[in-house]
Protein backbone atom coordinates (compact mmCIF):
# COMPACT_ATOMS: atom_id res chain seq x y z
CA UNK A 1 -6.82 -26.55 -4.53
CA UNK A 2 -10.57 -26.47 -3.74
CA UNK A 3 -11.53 -24.42 -0.68
CA UNK A 4 -14.44 -25.85 1.30
CA UNK A 5 -16.13 -23.83 3.97
CA UNK A 6 -18.73 -25.09 6.41
CA UNK A 7 -21.34 -22.61 7.49
CA UNK A 8 -22.07 -22.64 11.23
CA UNK A 9 -24.74 -20.21 12.45
CA UNK A 10 -23.81 -17.55 9.88
CA UNK A 11 -20.11 -17.87 10.50
CA UNK A 12 -17.48 -19.87 8.68
CA UNK A 13 -15.65 -22.66 10.47
CA UNK A 14 -12.23 -23.19 8.94
CA UNK A 15 -8.77 -24.17 10.05
CA UNK A 16 -5.50 -22.38 9.38
CA UNK A 17 -4.97 -24.10 6.08
CA UNK A 18 -8.42 -23.10 4.85
CA UNK A 19 -7.77 -19.50 5.97
CA UNK A 20 -4.46 -19.43 4.04
CA UNK A 21 -6.27 -20.86 0.98
CA UNK A 22 -8.75 -18.01 1.38
CA UNK A 23 -5.89 -15.52 1.38
CA UNK A 24 -4.55 -17.03 -1.81
CA UNK A 25 -8.03 -16.97 -3.38
CA UNK A 26 -8.37 -13.33 -2.44
CA UNK A 27 -5.02 -12.48 -4.10
CA UNK A 28 -6.26 -13.97 -7.32
CA UNK A 29 -9.59 -12.09 -7.02
CA UNK A 30 -7.70 -8.86 -6.40
CA UNK A 31 -5.34 -9.44 -9.33
CA UNK A 32 -8.25 -9.77 -11.72
CA UNK A 33 -10.12 -6.71 -10.35
CA UNK A 34 -12.70 -8.49 -8.23
CA UNK A 35 -12.18 -6.19 -5.23
CA UNK A 36 -15.53 -6.89 -3.59
CA UNK A 37 -14.94 -10.56 -3.73
CA UNK A 38 -11.39 -10.13 -2.37
CA UNK A 39 -12.70 -8.05 0.54
CA UNK A 40 -15.30 -10.74 1.32
CA UNK A 41 -12.80 -13.56 1.05
CA UNK A 42 -10.23 -11.84 3.23
CA UNK A 43 -12.93 -11.00 5.78
CA UNK A 44 -13.65 -14.75 6.02
CA UNK A 45 -9.99 -15.49 6.54
CA UNK A 46 -9.63 -12.76 9.17
CA UNK A 47 -12.79 -13.92 11.04
CA UNK A 48 -11.70 -17.54 11.04
CA UNK A 49 -9.60 -16.93 14.09
CA UNK A 50 -7.01 -19.44 12.92
CA UNK A 51 -4.43 -17.18 11.42
CA UNK A 52 -1.17 -16.42 13.34
CA UNK A 53 -0.19 -12.80 13.97
CA UNK A 54 2.01 -12.42 10.87
CA UNK A 55 -0.61 -14.02 8.51
CA UNK A 56 -3.30 -11.94 10.07
CA UNK A 57 -1.23 -8.82 9.44
CA UNK A 58 -0.89 -9.84 5.76
CA UNK A 59 -4.63 -10.46 5.50
CA UNK A 60 -5.40 -7.01 6.88
CA UNK A 61 -2.86 -5.39 4.68
CA UNK A 62 -4.27 -7.19 1.67
CA UNK A 63 -7.85 -6.23 2.57
CA UNK A 64 -6.61 -2.63 2.99
CA UNK A 65 -5.29 -2.83 -0.57
CA UNK A 66 -8.61 -4.17 -1.85
CA UNK A 67 -10.39 -1.24 -0.14
CA UNK A 68 -7.77 1.10 -1.53
CA UNK A 69 -8.46 -0.21 -5.01
CA UNK A 70 -12.19 0.36 -4.40
CA UNK A 71 -11.29 3.95 -3.35
CA UNK A 72 -12.61 3.36 0.10
CA UNK A 73 -9.63 5.09 1.68
CA UNK A 74 -10.99 5.28 5.30
CA UNK A 75 -11.54 1.55 5.41
CA UNK A 76 -8.18 1.01 3.78
CA UNK A 77 -6.52 3.10 6.45
CA UNK A 78 -8.26 1.11 9.18
CA UNK A 79 -7.00 -2.16 7.83
CA UNK A 80 -3.46 -0.97 7.13
CA UNK A 81 -3.42 0.41 10.72
CA UNK A 82 -4.46 -3.00 12.08
CA UNK A 83 -1.72 -4.57 9.90
CA UNK A 84 1.01 -2.36 11.32
CA UNK A 85 -0.22 -2.88 14.85
CA UNK A 86 0.09 -6.62 14.31
CA UNK A 87 3.45 -6.45 12.54
CA UNK A 88 5.23 -3.07 12.92
CA UNK A 89 8.27 -4.50 11.18
CA UNK A 90 6.54 -4.86 7.78
CA UNK A 91 6.77 -1.83 5.46
CA UNK A 92 3.75 -2.89 3.38
CA UNK A 93 1.14 -1.61 5.85
CA UNK A 94 2.86 1.77 6.18
CA UNK A 95 3.33 2.14 2.39
CA UNK A 96 -0.28 1.23 1.73
CA UNK A 97 -1.65 3.52 4.45
CA UNK A 98 0.56 6.36 3.10
CA UNK A 99 -0.98 5.97 -0.30
CA UNK A 100 -4.47 6.09 1.14
CA UNK A 101 -3.52 9.22 3.03
CA UNK A 102 -2.28 10.78 -0.18
CA UNK A 103 -5.56 10.08 -1.91
CA UNK A 104 -7.39 11.76 1.05
CA UNK A 105 -4.99 14.73 0.68
CA UNK A 106 -3.51 14.05 4.05
CA UNK A 107 0.04 14.58 2.83
CA UNK A 108 1.79 15.03 6.17
CA UNK A 109 0.33 11.78 7.42
CA UNK A 110 1.42 10.07 4.27
CA UNK A 111 4.98 11.33 4.66
CA UNK A 112 4.97 10.05 8.25
CA UNK A 113 3.98 6.60 6.98
CA UNK A 114 6.58 6.65 4.25
CA UNK A 115 9.23 7.61 6.76
CA UNK A 116 8.29 4.64 8.87
CA UNK A 117 8.25 2.35 5.85
CA UNK A 118 11.72 3.57 4.88
CA UNK A 119 12.94 3.09 8.44
CA UNK A 120 11.62 -0.50 8.50
CA UNK A 121 12.83 -1.34 4.97
CA UNK A 122 15.33 1.09 3.38
CA UNK A 123 15.12 -0.84 0.09
CA UNK A 124 11.42 -0.02 -0.29
CA UNK A 125 11.76 2.24 -3.36
CA UNK A 126 8.06 2.78 -3.62
CA UNK A 127 8.01 4.67 -0.33
CA UNK A 128 10.76 7.06 -1.54
CA UNK A 129 8.88 7.69 -4.81
CA UNK A 130 5.54 8.24 -3.08
CA UNK A 131 7.22 10.54 -0.57
CA UNK A 132 8.39 12.61 -3.51
CA UNK A 133 4.76 12.58 -4.83
CA UNK A 134 3.45 13.80 -1.52
CA UNK A 135 5.88 16.73 -1.43
CA UNK A 136 4.99 17.65 -4.96
CA UNK A 137 1.29 17.58 -4.05
CA UNK A 138 2.11 19.89 -1.13
CA UNK A 139 3.75 22.31 -3.62
CA UNK A 140 7.20 21.77 -2.23
CA UNK A 141 9.33 21.28 -5.36
CA UNK A 142 12.65 21.21 -3.54
CA UNK A 143 11.71 18.38 -1.17
CA UNK A 144 9.89 16.59 -3.97
CA UNK A 145 12.93 16.72 -6.24
CA UNK A 146 15.21 15.66 -3.34
CA UNK A 147 13.20 12.54 -2.71
CA UNK A 148 12.76 11.83 -6.38
CA UNK A 149 16.53 12.04 -6.71
CA UNK A 150 16.92 9.63 -3.81
CA UNK A 151 14.43 7.35 -5.48
CA UNK A 152 16.57 7.30 -8.64
CA UNK A 153 19.73 6.79 -6.64
CA UNK A 154 18.08 3.74 -5.00
CA UNK A 155 17.58 2.23 -8.45
CA UNK A 156 14.23 3.50 -9.72
CA UNK A 157 14.53 3.88 -13.46
CA UNK A 158 11.01 4.11 -14.92
CA UNK A 159 11.48 7.52 -16.40
CA UNK A 160 8.27 7.29 -18.41
CA UNK A 161 6.24 6.91 -15.22
CA UNK A 162 7.96 9.88 -13.61
CA UNK A 163 7.39 11.91 -16.72
CA UNK A 164 3.60 11.08 -16.84
CA UNK A 165 2.74 10.81 -13.16
CA UNK A 166 0.13 13.50 -12.55
CA UNK A 167 1.35 13.82 -8.89
CA UNK A 168 4.40 15.63 -10.29
CA UNK A 169 2.47 18.25 -12.26
CA UNK A 170 3.27 20.82 -9.54
CA UNK A 171 7.02 20.49 -10.02
CA UNK A 172 7.31 19.96 -13.79
CA UNK A 173 8.47 23.55 -14.32
CA UNK A 174 10.96 23.54 -11.39
CA UNK A 175 14.60 23.70 -12.36
CA UNK A 176 15.37 20.72 -10.01
CA UNK A 177 12.89 18.56 -11.86
CA UNK A 178 14.21 19.54 -15.24
CA UNK A 179 17.75 18.78 -14.14
CA UNK A 180 16.70 15.42 -12.74
CA UNK A 181 14.87 14.48 -15.95
CA UNK A 182 17.96 15.58 -17.98
CA UNK A 183 20.06 13.15 -15.87
CA UNK A 184 22.08 15.84 -14.20
């Protein structure tokens, strides 16, 4: 589908269908690593004023992810915050914001976001895993192992990722980590 935008005094006039098309376009841009383009495209969709509350929340969360991928964590946090304000029942904004907080070494804030994501969607395995990462980065091997164990109980089975994730370097020598990796 071709997206046509009409420029009006520096702004873009588009209807809801056009804005949703922009969101799909941004998803493709993001998937191929064109993060600047994705941010610009999502900004157009957000500024169109035609998106409903849920779609607007998705657009902010997706733009937050593009900023995160650009390592612009403050901007990512702003957009994820707007996403959860618009749709507090969607775990994606909390999970994304938690990740940005981890990268800013704001581990307690990250854990708060992961707790909220888990409350909203207990099947969100990524939040359990990232919570384990946050505790490891805080040098708390017991809590990290506890949450990593819960992650595995919930169905996470990518042992190679666990083994190679640099976030777990602080707990690799802990007995609980060794037991977990041995399948005990």
